Amino acid sequence: MEKWEVYMEIYQLKRQGFKVRRIARKLGISRTTVYKYLDKSPEDMAEWMASVKTRAKKLDPYEMLIHTWLSEHPDLSSAQVYDWLKERYKDLVVGESTVRNYVKELREKYNIPKTEVKRVYQAIPDPPMGQQAQVDFGQTIQKTSSGKDKKLYFISFVLSHSRYKYVEWLDRPFTTKDVIRTHENCFQFFSGIPSELAYDQDALIVVSENAGDLVLTSEFQAYREERKLNLFVCRKADPESKGRIENVVGFVKKNFAKNRVFYHIDQWNELCMSWLERTGNGKVHNTTKKRPVEVFALEKQHLRPVTKKISISSIDSSITRTVRKDNTILYDSNRYSVPLGTYKPDKEVYIEATDTNHLLIRDQSEGPIIAEHQISSERGKLIQPTQHKRDRTKGIAAYIATVASQFDDTETATDFLAEIHRRYPRYVRDQLDLISKVSKSVEVEIRNEALKECIKRKIYSATEYNDVVQFVERQHQTKTKPKQSNEVKSLHGIDPKLVNIKPETREVERYLELLKGVTVCPL
């Protein structure tokens, strides 16, 4: 309906005695609009209509597009509207203030309010050129083309003097290897290395901060020594020391990522690089009143040059997780299973997240893979393949027959196991598992005798069967032990038979005759 027709209709209804609320409801307009039209005389209305027709705005061709954006995303900022227009219409020449005023008018026109939450930081002087870069991580949840939620992770760098930025995204959590790789990419992007890198207390980089003495993860420590990096870790709850990078993280979330649809991680990184060139580094900074890209042209001359390229594949990126009693590990708010029997007190395994969004679990750092899972983007889930569960495909009867076959008298063993099944129906698999394990650890003769002893004494329990097996085994060892001789062995090692030999004795007269020289018969 044309504005003049609306005006005439409002006046007719008013003369008929309708109240403002009923007029607004009948015509499908707001009460504010009704009041605005009632305040105008026909002459005023004619002049206003003439002025509106002659005053066209530069962004009027994009009114419906901007209105759609604001309707779908009421929290959209005018700066983000400006960036989206520049992204879609590269030839559009318009000032940011023009966009800001136009968005404000559209919000008033279509009654689309906007709520903002601002965070306050204390200003600190900028460090010299090439002195410092700040690093931090961020997360967002984006809508995919199919309407599902997708969690994305990013690392951001900013040179503290020029505010020149670098951002890189992943569709899975970062590992230490990813952190090192993104550092290398950032140094290539900056064409140099700053004198100091400031970090938050992230577990991928810092193990602890012991009164200022940093304890880094082994992988990042090796990288630090090779690159000769000078690190500075910010204290917790200290936004002033890392305010620049926190502003960058918020800027990336609100200006680039907010309300943007995710299709693929490679395309997402390409769009982010274009955003950095166009807005993140190309737009005049609100604090410095300069374009970061222009200041960076001077600052990069003060960066330490990258003299050699580091091979990321040679750096170990494994991190450890403690195995829980239910044979699972925790990773990114989900539980991932390991093979049954892996758990031991204080048992740790080594994990690695691959570029293909898979989680590899190893018993040793360089050992074989004991489990592999597809990383889930959800939270609170148990990821457990069939091979990590108890074998429930085999029925109880078949399982009893399998265990009974370990004994010579399978019929008696079957009856024994069936009685255990009757007494422990809920735990029969655990009972059969233990009996099978114990039986395989001893000889057939011992397990047969233990079975007879259990039936004789009416013992129907896997743990008690284990005790009987140990008793029978000790009895067998006693019977087969060689008997000890009562004969006492000589300490000097001479044969006892020689010790007991007695020499022949003769009379003394014969020896006296020999001494006198008298010839006598041979002795």
Protein backbone atom coordinates (compact mmCIF):
# COMPACT_ATOMS: atom_id res chain seq x y z
CA MET A 1 0.00 0.00 0.00
CA GLU A 2 1.33 3.45 -0.91
CA LYS A 3 2.11 5.88 1.90
CA TRP A 4 -0.58 8.32 0.78
CA GLU A 5 -3.22 5.60 0.72
CA VAL A 6 -2.18 4.55 4.23
CA TYR A 7 -2.44 8.15 5.38
CA MET A 8 -5.99 8.54 3.99
CA GLU A 9 -7.10 5.21 5.41
CA ILE A 10 -5.80 6.15 8.89
CA TYR A 11 -7.69 9.45 8.84
CA GLN A 12 -10.93 7.79 7.70
CA LEU A 13 -10.77 5.19 10.43
CA LYS A 14 -9.96 7.88 13.00
CA ARG A 15 -13.02 9.89 11.97
CA GLN A 16 -15.14 6.75 12.31
CA GLY A 17 -14.08 6.55 15.97
CA PHE A 18 -11.46 3.79 15.81
CA LYS A 19 -8.70 3.94 18.41
CA VAL A 20 -5.02 3.91 17.47
CA ARG A 21 -4.53 0.27 18.55
CA ARG A 22 -7.44 -0.97 16.42
CA ILE A 23 -6.28 1.12 13.43
CA ALA A 24 -2.78 -0.37 13.66
CA ARG A 25 -4.19 -3.89 13.92
CA LYS A 26 -6.61 -3.38 11.03
CA LEU A 27 -3.99 -1.99 8.66
CA GLY A 28 -1.16 -4.29 9.82
CA ILE A 29 1.17 -1.48 10.84
CA SER A 30 2.71 -0.37 14.14
CA ARG A 31 1.08 2.14 16.50
CA THR A 32 4.17 4.32 16.12
CA THR A 33 3.45 4.63 12.40
CA VAL A 34 -0.18 5.53 13.10
CA TYR A 35 0.87 8.28 15.50
CA LYS A 36 3.44 9.56 12.99
CA TYR A 37 0.83 9.88 10.24
CA LEU A 38 -1.79 11.46 12.51
CA ASP A 39 0.69 14.20 13.47
CA LYS A 40 0.97 15.30 9.84
CA SER A 41 -1.48 17.59 8.06
CA PRO A 42 -2.33 16.85 4.42
CA GLU A 43 0.06 19.64 3.37
CA ASP A 44 2.87 18.25 5.53
CA MET A 45 2.22 14.79 4.15
CA ALA A 46 2.46 16.04 0.57
CA GLU A 47 5.76 17.81 1.22
CA TRP A 48 7.21 14.75 2.99
CA MET A 49 6.16 12.43 0.16
CA ALA A 50 7.86 14.73 -2.37
CA SER A 51 11.11 14.82 -0.36
CA VAL A 52 11.17 11.05 0.04
CA LYS A 53 10.72 10.47 -3.67
CA THR A 54 13.59 12.76 -4.63
CA ARG A 55 16.10 11.49 -2.03
CA ALA A 56 17.45 8.10 -3.05
CA LYS A 57 20.17 6.41 -0.97
CA LYS A 58 23.21 4.62 -2.30
CA LEU A 59 22.42 1.39 -0.47
CA ASP A 60 18.73 1.27 -1.43
CA PRO A 61 19.38 -1.44 -4.08
CA TYR A 62 20.72 -3.62 -1.26
CA GLU A 63 17.93 -2.87 1.22
CA MET A 64 16.21 -6.25 0.93
CA LEU A 65 19.52 -8.12 1.20
CA ILE A 66 20.59 -6.20 4.31
CA HIS A 67 17.11 -6.56 5.78
CA THR A 68 17.33 -10.32 5.29
CA TRP A 69 20.70 -10.44 7.04
CA LEU A 70 19.41 -8.40 9.97
CA SER A 71 16.24 -10.48 10.23
CA GLU A 72 18.12 -13.77 10.31
CA HIS A 73 20.91 -12.44 12.55
CA PRO A 74 19.63 -9.60 14.78
CA ASP A 75 23.02 -9.34 16.47
CA LEU A 76 24.78 -8.56 13.19
CA SER A 77 27.02 -5.50 13.49
CA SER A 78 27.23 -2.74 10.88
CA ALA A 79 30.95 -3.50 10.49
CA GLN A 80 30.10 -7.09 9.56
CA VAL A 81 27.41 -5.89 7.12
CA TYR A 82 30.05 -3.67 5.53
CA ASP A 83 32.46 -6.64 5.23
CA TRP A 84 29.79 -8.91 3.74
CA LEU A 85 28.87 -6.27 1.14
CA LYS A 86 32.54 -5.84 0.18
CA GLU A 87 32.91 -9.62 -0.06
CA ARG A 88 29.94 -10.05 -2.41
CA TYR A 89 30.23 -6.81 -4.38
CA LYS A 90 33.92 -6.07 -4.88
CA ASP A 91 33.18 -3.04 -7.11
CA LEU A 92 30.93 -1.37 -4.51
CA VAL A 93 32.44 1.90 -3.27
CA VAL A 94 30.82 2.98 -0.03
CA GLY A 95 32.03 4.38 3.25
CA GLU A 96 31.71 2.43 6.48
CA SER A 97 29.90 5.34 8.12
CA THR A 98 27.32 5.24 5.32
CA VAL A 99 26.71 1.57 6.00
CA ARG A 100 26.52 2.20 9.72
CA ASN A 101 23.87 4.92 9.30
CA TYR A 102 21.89 2.86 6.80
CA VAL A 103 21.87 -0.19 9.09
CA LYS A 104 20.71 2.01 11.95
CA GLU A 105 17.82 3.34 9.83
CA LEU A 106 16.81 -0.16 8.76
CA ARG A 107 16.80 -1.34 12.36
CA GLU A 108 14.47 1.53 13.28
CA LYS A 109 12.34 1.07 10.17
CA TYR A 110 11.79 -2.68 10.66
CA ASN A 111 12.09 -2.62 14.47
CA ILE A 112 15.14 -4.93 14.68
CA PRO A 113 16.95 -4.07 17.94
CA LYS A 114 20.56 -5.06 18.62
CA THR A 115 22.16 -5.88 21.96
CA GLU A 116 25.90 -5.61 22.49
CA VAL A 117 28.15 -6.71 25.34
CA LYS A 118 31.39 -4.74 25.50
CA ARG A 119 34.50 -5.78 27.39
CA VAL A 120 36.73 -3.09 28.90
CA TYR A 121 40.55 -3.26 28.77
CA GLN A 122 43.18 -0.96 30.20
CA ALA A 123 45.37 0.61 27.54
CA ILE A 124 49.12 -0.13 27.60
CA PRO A 125 51.83 1.37 25.38
CA ASP A 126 52.66 -0.41 22.15
CA PRO A 127 55.98 -2.30 22.17
CA PRO A 128 58.66 -1.40 19.58
CA MET A 129 58.49 -2.78 16.06
CA GLY A 130 59.32 -6.47 15.83
CA GLN A 131 59.38 -6.83 19.61
CA GLN A 132 56.31 -8.98 20.34
CA ALA A 133 53.61 -11.17 18.86
CA GLN A 134 50.71 -12.56 20.88
CA VAL A 135 49.18 -16.01 20.32
CA ASP A 136 45.88 -17.52 21.45
CA PHE A 137 43.28 -20.14 20.52
CA GLY A 138 39.55 -19.84 19.89
CA GLN A 139 36.51 -21.99 19.13
CA THR A 140 33.26 -21.39 17.30
CA ILE A 141 30.17 -23.41 16.43
CA GLN A 142 29.06 -22.88 12.83
CA LYS A 143 26.02 -24.00 10.90
CA THR A 144 26.77 -26.33 8.00
CA SER A 145 24.97 -26.34 4.67
CA SER A 146 22.77 -29.15 6.00
CA GLY A 147 21.76 -27.11 9.05
CA LYS A 148 23.86 -29.07 11.58
CA ASP A 149 26.25 -27.57 14.11
CA LYS A 150 29.98 -27.94 13.48
CA LYS A 151 32.64 -27.06 16.04
CA LEU A 152 35.69 -25.30 14.59
CA TYR A 153 39.02 -24.43 16.21
CA PHE A 154 41.45 -21.65 15.30
CA ILE A 155 44.79 -20.23 16.36
CA SER A 156 45.48 -16.53 15.93
CA PHE A 157 48.65 -14.44 15.92
CA VAL A 158 49.00 -10.66 16.07
CA LEU A 159 52.06 -8.41 15.96
CA SER A 160 51.61 -6.11 18.95
CA HIS A 161 52.92 -2.97 17.23
CA SER A 162 51.29 -3.05 13.79
CA ARG A 163 48.27 -5.25 14.74
CA TYR A 164 49.05 -7.39 11.67
CA LYS A 165 47.20 -10.70 12.07
CA TYR A 166 47.37 -14.34 11.00
CA VAL A 167 44.62 -16.94 11.58
CA GLU A 168 44.42 -20.66 10.77
CA TRP A 169 41.46 -23.00 11.31
CA LEU A 170 40.95 -26.73 11.94
CA ASP A 171 37.77 -28.81 12.12
CA ARG A 172 39.25 -30.84 15.01
CA PRO A 173 41.15 -29.99 18.21
CA PHE A 174 44.73 -28.82 17.84
CA THR A 175 47.66 -31.08 18.73
CA THR A 176 51.17 -29.92 19.56
CA LYS A 177 52.22 -30.85 16.03
CA ASP A 178 49.46 -28.60 14.64
CA VAL A 179 50.61 -25.74 16.88
CA ILE A 180 54.19 -26.05 15.60
CA ARG A 181 53.02 -26.27 11.98
CA THR A 182 50.87 -23.14 12.32
CA HIS A 183 53.81 -21.29 13.89
CA GLU A 184 55.89 -22.12 10.84
CA ASN A 185 53.07 -20.96 8.53
CA CYS A 186 52.73 -17.73 10.52
CA PHE A 187 56.46 -16.97 10.35
CA GLN A 188 56.29 -17.46 6.58
CA PHE A 189 53.26 -15.13 6.46
CA PHE A 190 55.08 -12.50 8.56
CA SER A 191 58.34 -13.07 6.64
CA GLY A 192 60.16 -13.21 9.96
CA ILE A 193 60.11 -14.04 13.67
CA PRO A 194 59.44 -11.46 16.43
CA SER A 195 61.76 -11.14 19.41
CA GLU A 196 59.13 -12.40 21.85
CA LEU A 197 56.01 -14.58 21.69
CA ALA A 198 53.32 -14.11 24.36
CA TYR A 199 50.99 -17.03 25.12
CA ASP A 200 48.12 -17.89 27.35
CA GLN A 201 48.62 -20.93 29.61
CA ASP A 202 47.62 -23.55 27.04
CA ALA A 203 48.23 -27.24 27.76
CA LEU A 204 49.56 -27.88 24.24
CA ILE A 205 52.47 -25.53 24.93
CA VAL A 206 52.93 -25.08 28.68
CA VAL A 207 52.86 -27.84 31.29
CA SER A 208 53.21 -25.44 34.24
CA GLU A 209 54.58 -22.04 35.20
CA ASN A 210 56.72 -22.59 38.29
CA ALA A 211 57.22 -19.09 39.72
CA GLY A 212 58.22 -17.85 36.28
CA ASP A 213 60.27 -20.91 35.28
CA LEU A 214 58.34 -22.31 32.36
CA VAL A 215 57.93 -26.06 31.99
CA LEU A 216 56.98 -26.68 28.35
CA THR A 217 55.72 -29.82 26.66
CA SER A 218 58.64 -31.87 25.36
CA GLU A 219 57.63 -31.40 21.70
CA PHE A 220 57.27 -27.63 21.93
CA GLN A 221 60.44 -27.35 24.01
CA ALA A 222 62.37 -29.07 21.19
CA TYR A 223 60.81 -26.69 18.66
CA ARG A 224 61.60 -23.67 20.84
CA GLU A 225 65.25 -24.65 21.10
CA GLU A 226 65.55 -25.24 17.36
CA ARG A 227 63.91 -21.90 16.47
CA LYS A 228 65.53 -20.09 19.44
CA LEU A 229 62.19 -18.56 20.47
CA ASN A 230 61.84 -16.26 23.45
CA LEU A 231 58.53 -17.09 25.17
CA PHE A 232 56.41 -15.13 27.61
CA VAL A 233 53.38 -16.73 29.27
CA CYS A 234 50.63 -14.43 30.51
CA ARG A 235 49.23 -14.90 33.97
CA LYS A 236 45.69 -16.15 34.41
CA ALA A 237 42.96 -13.49 34.57
CA ASP A 238 45.34 -10.85 33.24
CA PRO A 239 43.65 -9.37 30.15
CA GLU A 240 45.91 -6.31 30.03
CA SER A 241 48.98 -8.39 29.12
CA LYS A 242 47.18 -10.24 26.32
CA GLY A 243 44.44 -7.77 25.44
CA ARG A 244 45.51 -7.41 21.80
CA ILE A 245 45.18 -11.11 21.02
CA GLU A 246 41.91 -11.40 22.95
CA ASN A 247 40.54 -8.56 20.84
CA VAL A 248 41.70 -10.43 17.73
CA VAL A 249 39.97 -13.65 18.89
CA GLY A 250 36.75 -11.72 19.48
CA PHE A 251 37.14 -9.90 16.15
CA VAL A 252 37.55 -13.20 14.28
CA LYS A 253 34.50 -14.69 16.00
CA LYS A 254 32.17 -11.70 15.60
CA ASN A 255 33.25 -10.23 12.27
CA PHE A 256 34.40 -13.22 10.24
CA ALA A 257 32.82 -16.38 11.67
CA LYS A 258 29.54 -15.17 13.10
CA ASN A 259 26.50 -16.28 11.06
CA ARG A 260 28.74 -17.64 8.28
CA VAL A 261 27.86 -21.08 6.83
CA PHE A 262 30.57 -23.76 6.94
CA TYR A 263 31.10 -26.01 3.91
CA HIS A 264 34.68 -27.32 4.03
CA ILE A 265 37.74 -26.52 6.12
CA ASP A 266 39.93 -25.68 3.11
CA GLN A 267 37.35 -23.24 1.74
CA TRP A 268 36.90 -21.82 5.24
CA ASN A 269 40.63 -21.06 5.52
CA GLU A 270 40.61 -19.47 2.05
CA LEU A 271 37.71 -17.22 3.03
CA CYS A 272 39.52 -16.31 6.24
CA MET A 273 42.68 -15.34 4.34
CA SER A 274 40.59 -13.14 2.04
CA TRP A 275 38.95 -11.61 5.11
CA LEU A 276 42.38 -10.90 6.62
CA GLU A 277 43.48 -9.12 3.46
CA ARG A 278 40.24 -7.21 3.09
CA THR A 279 39.25 -6.47 6.68
CA GLY A 280 41.47 -7.98 9.36
CA ASN A 281 44.66 -6.35 8.06
CA GLY A 282 43.27 -3.99 5.42
CA LYS A 283 40.81 -1.99 7.49
CA VAL A 284 41.85 1.02 9.60
CA HIS A 285 42.43 -0.12 13.17
CA ASN A 286 40.12 1.54 15.68
CA THR A 287 42.93 2.22 18.19
CA THR A 288 45.95 3.05 16.05
CA LYS A 289 43.89 4.78 13.30
CA LYS A 290 46.19 3.11 10.77
CA ARG A 291 45.89 0.15 8.45
CA PRO A 292 47.83 -2.84 9.90
CA VAL A 293 49.07 -3.81 6.44
CA GLU A 294 50.70 -0.38 5.99
CA VAL A 295 52.38 -0.38 9.41
CA PHE A 296 53.49 -3.98 8.87
CA ALA A 297 55.42 -2.93 5.76
CA LEU A 298 57.77 -1.10 8.15
CA GLU A 299 57.63 -3.55 11.05
CA LYS A 300 58.64 -6.65 9.06
CA GLN A 301 62.07 -5.08 8.54
CA HIS A 302 62.61 -5.46 12.30
CA LEU A 303 61.71 -9.18 12.42
CA ARG A 304 64.36 -11.88 12.67
CA PRO A 305 64.56 -13.57 9.24
CA VAL A 306 63.55 -17.24 8.83
CA THR A 307 66.88 -18.79 7.78
CA LYS A 308 65.85 -22.44 7.45
CA LYS A 309 62.75 -24.56 7.10
CA ILE A 310 61.93 -27.06 9.86
CA SER A 311 60.48 -30.48 9.04
CA ILE A 312 57.34 -30.82 11.10
CA SER A 313 57.09 -34.59 10.53
CA SER A 314 60.21 -35.16 12.63
CA ILE A 315 58.56 -33.71 15.73
CA ASP A 316 56.64 -36.12 17.97
CA SER A 317 53.09 -34.92 18.47
CA SER A 318 51.82 -37.69 20.75
CA ILE A 319 50.19 -36.77 24.02
CA THR A 320 49.15 -39.13 26.78
CA ARG A 321 45.83 -40.00 28.36
CA THR A 322 45.15 -42.11 31.46
CA VAL A 323 43.14 -45.29 30.84
CA ARG A 324 40.00 -45.38 32.98
CA LYS A 325 38.66 -48.47 34.75
CA ASP A 326 36.05 -49.01 32.04
CA ASN A 327 38.84 -49.23 29.42
CA THR A 328 38.17 -45.80 27.92
CA ILE A 329 40.09 -42.53 27.62
CA LEU A 330 38.75 -38.97 27.66
CA TYR A 331 39.35 -36.78 24.61
CA ASP A 332 37.58 -33.52 23.80
CA SER A 333 34.62 -34.24 26.14
CA ASN A 334 34.00 -37.72 24.71
CA ARG A 335 34.99 -41.26 25.81
CA TYR A 336 36.93 -43.41 23.36
CA SER A 337 37.37 -47.13 24.06
CA VAL A 338 40.55 -49.19 24.14
CA PRO A 339 40.70 -53.02 23.96
CA LEU A 340 39.43 -54.87 27.02
CA GLY A 341 42.23 -55.60 29.47
CA THR A 342 44.21 -52.45 28.65
CA TYR A 343 43.40 -50.87 32.00
CA LYS A 344 45.94 -51.09 34.82
CA PRO A 345 46.42 -48.67 37.73
CA ASP A 346 48.02 -45.45 36.40
CA LYS A 347 48.12 -46.91 32.87
CA GLU A 348 48.75 -44.28 30.16
CA VAL A 349 48.42 -44.52 26.40
CA TYR A 350 49.64 -42.22 23.64
CA ILE A 351 47.11 -40.50 21.38
CA GLU A 352 47.42 -38.59 18.13
CA ALA A 353 44.78 -36.71 16.12
CA THR A 354 45.42 -37.01 12.38
CA ASP A 355 44.61 -34.60 9.57
CA THR A 356 41.81 -36.99 8.49
CA ASN A 357 39.95 -36.44 11.78
CA HIS A 358 40.94 -39.81 13.24
CA LEU A 359 42.17 -40.50 16.78
CA LEU A 360 45.08 -42.98 16.98
CA ILE A 361 45.83 -44.70 20.30
CA ARG A 362 49.14 -46.45 20.99
CA ASP A 363 50.40 -48.40 23.98
CA GLN A 364 53.89 -46.94 23.41
CA SER A 365 54.92 -43.67 21.82
CA GLU A 366 56.37 -45.39 18.74
CA GLY A 367 54.46 -48.65 19.15
CA PRO A 368 51.68 -50.19 17.05
CA ILE A 369 48.18 -48.72 17.02
CA ILE A 370 45.90 -50.50 19.51
CA ALA A 371 42.76 -48.48 18.68
CA GLU A 372 41.58 -46.05 16.01
CA HIS A 373 38.41 -43.95 16.14
CA GLN A 374 36.65 -41.34 14.04
CA ILE A 375 36.68 -38.15 16.13
CA SER A 376 33.16 -37.10 17.09
CA SER A 377 32.07 -33.46 16.97
CA GLU A 378 29.46 -34.11 19.67
CA ARG A 379 30.00 -34.04 23.44
CA GLY A 380 29.47 -36.65 26.15
CA LYS A 381 29.44 -39.58 23.71
CA LEU A 382 30.91 -43.09 24.10
CA ILE A 383 32.74 -44.11 20.93
CA GLN A 384 33.21 -47.89 21.13
CA PRO A 385 33.58 -50.29 18.17
CA THR A 386 32.27 -53.85 18.34
CA GLN A 387 35.71 -55.43 18.77
CA HIS A 388 36.20 -53.52 22.04
CA LYS A 389 33.10 -55.07 23.59
CA ARG A 390 32.63 -58.47 25.20
CA ASP A 391 31.88 -61.23 22.73
CA ARG A 392 28.10 -61.43 23.04
CA THR A 393 27.52 -63.02 19.66
CA LYS A 394 28.17 -66.45 21.15
CA GLY A 395 25.28 -67.84 23.24
CA ILE A 396 25.74 -68.98 26.83
CA ALA A 397 25.18 -72.61 25.92
CA ALA A 398 27.85 -72.46 23.21
CA TYR A 399 30.21 -70.68 25.60
CA ILE A 400 29.68 -73.38 28.26
CA ALA A 401 30.41 -76.07 25.67
CA THR A 402 33.62 -74.29 24.67
CA VAL A 403 34.89 -74.07 28.26
CA ALA A 404 33.79 -77.66 29.04
CA SER A 405 35.88 -78.95 26.13
CA GLN A 406 39.02 -78.00 28.09
CA PHE A 407 38.35 -80.94 30.45
CA ASP A 408 38.57 -84.68 29.69
CA ASP A 409 35.13 -85.38 31.17
CA THR A 410 33.17 -82.83 29.18
CA GLU A 411 29.80 -84.11 30.40
CA THR A 412 30.72 -83.59 34.06
CA ALA A 413 32.27 -80.21 33.25
CA THR A 414 29.09 -79.14 31.42
CA ASP A 415 26.96 -79.99 34.46
CA PHE A 416 29.39 -78.09 36.70
CA LEU A 417 29.27 -74.99 34.48
CA ALA A 418 25.49 -75.19 34.11
CA GLU A 419 25.15 -75.08 37.90
CA ILE A 420 27.38 -71.98 37.96
CA HIS A 421 25.10 -70.44 35.30
CA ARG A 422 22.08 -71.15 37.51
CA ARG A 423 23.70 -69.53 40.55
CA TYR A 424 25.25 -66.53 38.74
CA PRO A 425 22.96 -65.74 35.76
CA ARG A 426 23.98 -62.07 35.56
CA TYR A 427 27.72 -62.75 35.84
CA VAL A 428 27.94 -66.06 34.00
CA ARG A 429 30.22 -64.66 31.28
CA ASP A 430 32.65 -63.31 33.86
CA GLN A 431 32.55 -66.69 35.64
CA LEU A 432 33.23 -68.60 32.41
CA ASP A 433 35.99 -66.17 31.42
CA LEU A 434 37.84 -66.77 34.71
CA ILE A 435 37.42 -70.57 34.61
CA SER A 436 38.69 -70.69 31.04
CA LYS A 437 41.67 -68.45 31.84
CA VAL A 438 42.65 -70.49 34.94
CA SER A 439 42.22 -73.83 33.15
CA LYS A 440 44.48 -72.81 30.29
CA SER A 441 47.24 -71.86 32.71
CA VAL A 442 47.66 -75.37 34.18
CA GLU A 443 48.06 -78.93 32.91
CA VAL A 444 45.04 -81.07 31.97
CA GLU A 445 45.63 -83.42 34.90
CA ILE A 446 45.46 -80.60 37.42
CA ARG A 447 42.29 -79.03 35.98
CA ASN A 448 40.58 -82.46 35.85
CA GLU A 449 41.42 -83.17 39.48
CA ALA A 450 40.31 -79.67 40.50
CA LEU A 451 36.98 -80.24 38.75
CA LYS A 452 36.43 -83.51 40.66
CA GLU A 453 37.32 -81.82 43.92
CA CYS A 454 34.86 -78.97 43.29
CA ILE A 455 32.01 -81.36 42.52
CA LYS A 456 32.89 -83.52 45.54
CA ARG A 457 32.81 -80.52 47.88
CA LYS A 458 29.89 -78.84 46.03
CA ILE A 459 31.93 -75.79 45.08
CA TYR A 460 30.28 -73.82 42.24
CA SER A 461 32.19 -70.56 41.84
CA ALA A 462 34.92 -69.43 39.48
CA THR A 463 37.01 -67.78 42.23
CA GLU A 464 36.78 -70.87 44.44
CA TYR A 465 37.63 -73.06 41.45
CA ASN A 466 40.77 -70.95 41.07
CA ASP A 467 41.66 -71.60 44.72
CA VAL A 468 41.15 -75.36 44.28
CA VAL A 469 43.38 -75.38 41.18
CA GLN A 470 46.17 -73.67 43.12
CA PHE A 471 45.76 -76.21 45.98
CA VAL A 472 45.91 -79.19 43.62
CA GLU A 473 48.92 -77.72 41.86
CA ARG A 474 50.79 -77.39 45.17
CA GLN A 475 49.92 -81.00 46.03
CA HIS A 476 51.36 -82.21 42.74
CA GLN A 477 54.56 -80.30 43.33
CA THR A 478 54.95 -81.96 46.76
CA LYS A 479 54.45 -85.49 45.37
CA THR A 480 56.96 -85.10 42.57
CA LYS A 481 59.68 -83.59 44.80
CA PRO A 482 62.73 -85.99 45.22
CA LYS A 483 63.33 -87.57 48.68
CA GLN A 484 66.20 -86.14 50.69
CA SER A 485 69.01 -88.56 51.88
CA ASN A 486 69.68 -88.92 55.61
CA GLU A 487 73.39 -89.36 54.92
CA VAL A 488 75.55 -86.51 56.15
CA LYS A 489 78.01 -85.25 53.57
CA SER A 490 81.59 -84.55 54.57
CA LEU A 491 82.63 -80.93 54.48
CA HIS A 492 86.11 -81.75 52.99
CA GLY A 493 84.62 -83.57 50.01
CA ILE A 494 86.27 -87.06 50.65
CA ASP A 495 84.25 -90.13 49.89
CA PRO A 496 82.75 -91.45 53.19
CA LYS A 497 83.68 -95.07 52.18
CA LEU A 498 87.36 -94.22 52.25
CA VAL A 499 87.02 -92.54 55.61
CA ASN A 500 85.63 -95.74 57.18
CA ILE A 501 88.51 -98.06 55.97
CA LYS A 502 90.67 -99.40 58.88
CA PRO A 503 94.34 -100.41 58.27
CA GLU A 504 95.67 -103.92 59.24
CA THR A 505 97.53 -104.06 62.67
CA ARG A 506 100.74 -106.18 63.51
CA GLU A 507 102.73 -106.95 66.62
CA VAL A 508 105.52 -104.55 67.74
CA GLU A 509 108.26 -107.28 67.85
CA ARG A 510 108.40 -107.49 64.07
CA TYR A 511 109.23 -103.81 63.78
CA LEU A 512 112.00 -104.14 66.44
CA GLU A 513 113.70 -106.98 64.55
CA LEU A 514 113.72 -104.81 61.42
CA LEU A 515 115.46 -102.04 63.30
CA LYS A 516 118.18 -104.54 64.60
CA GLY A 517 118.93 -105.58 61.00
CA VAL A 518 117.57 -109.09 61.40
CA THR A 519 116.16 -110.55 58.21
CA VAL A 520 112.53 -111.35 58.62
CA CYS A 521 109.80 -112.48 56.37
CA PRO A 522 108.07 -109.80 54.31
CA LEU A 523 105.33 -108.04 56.14
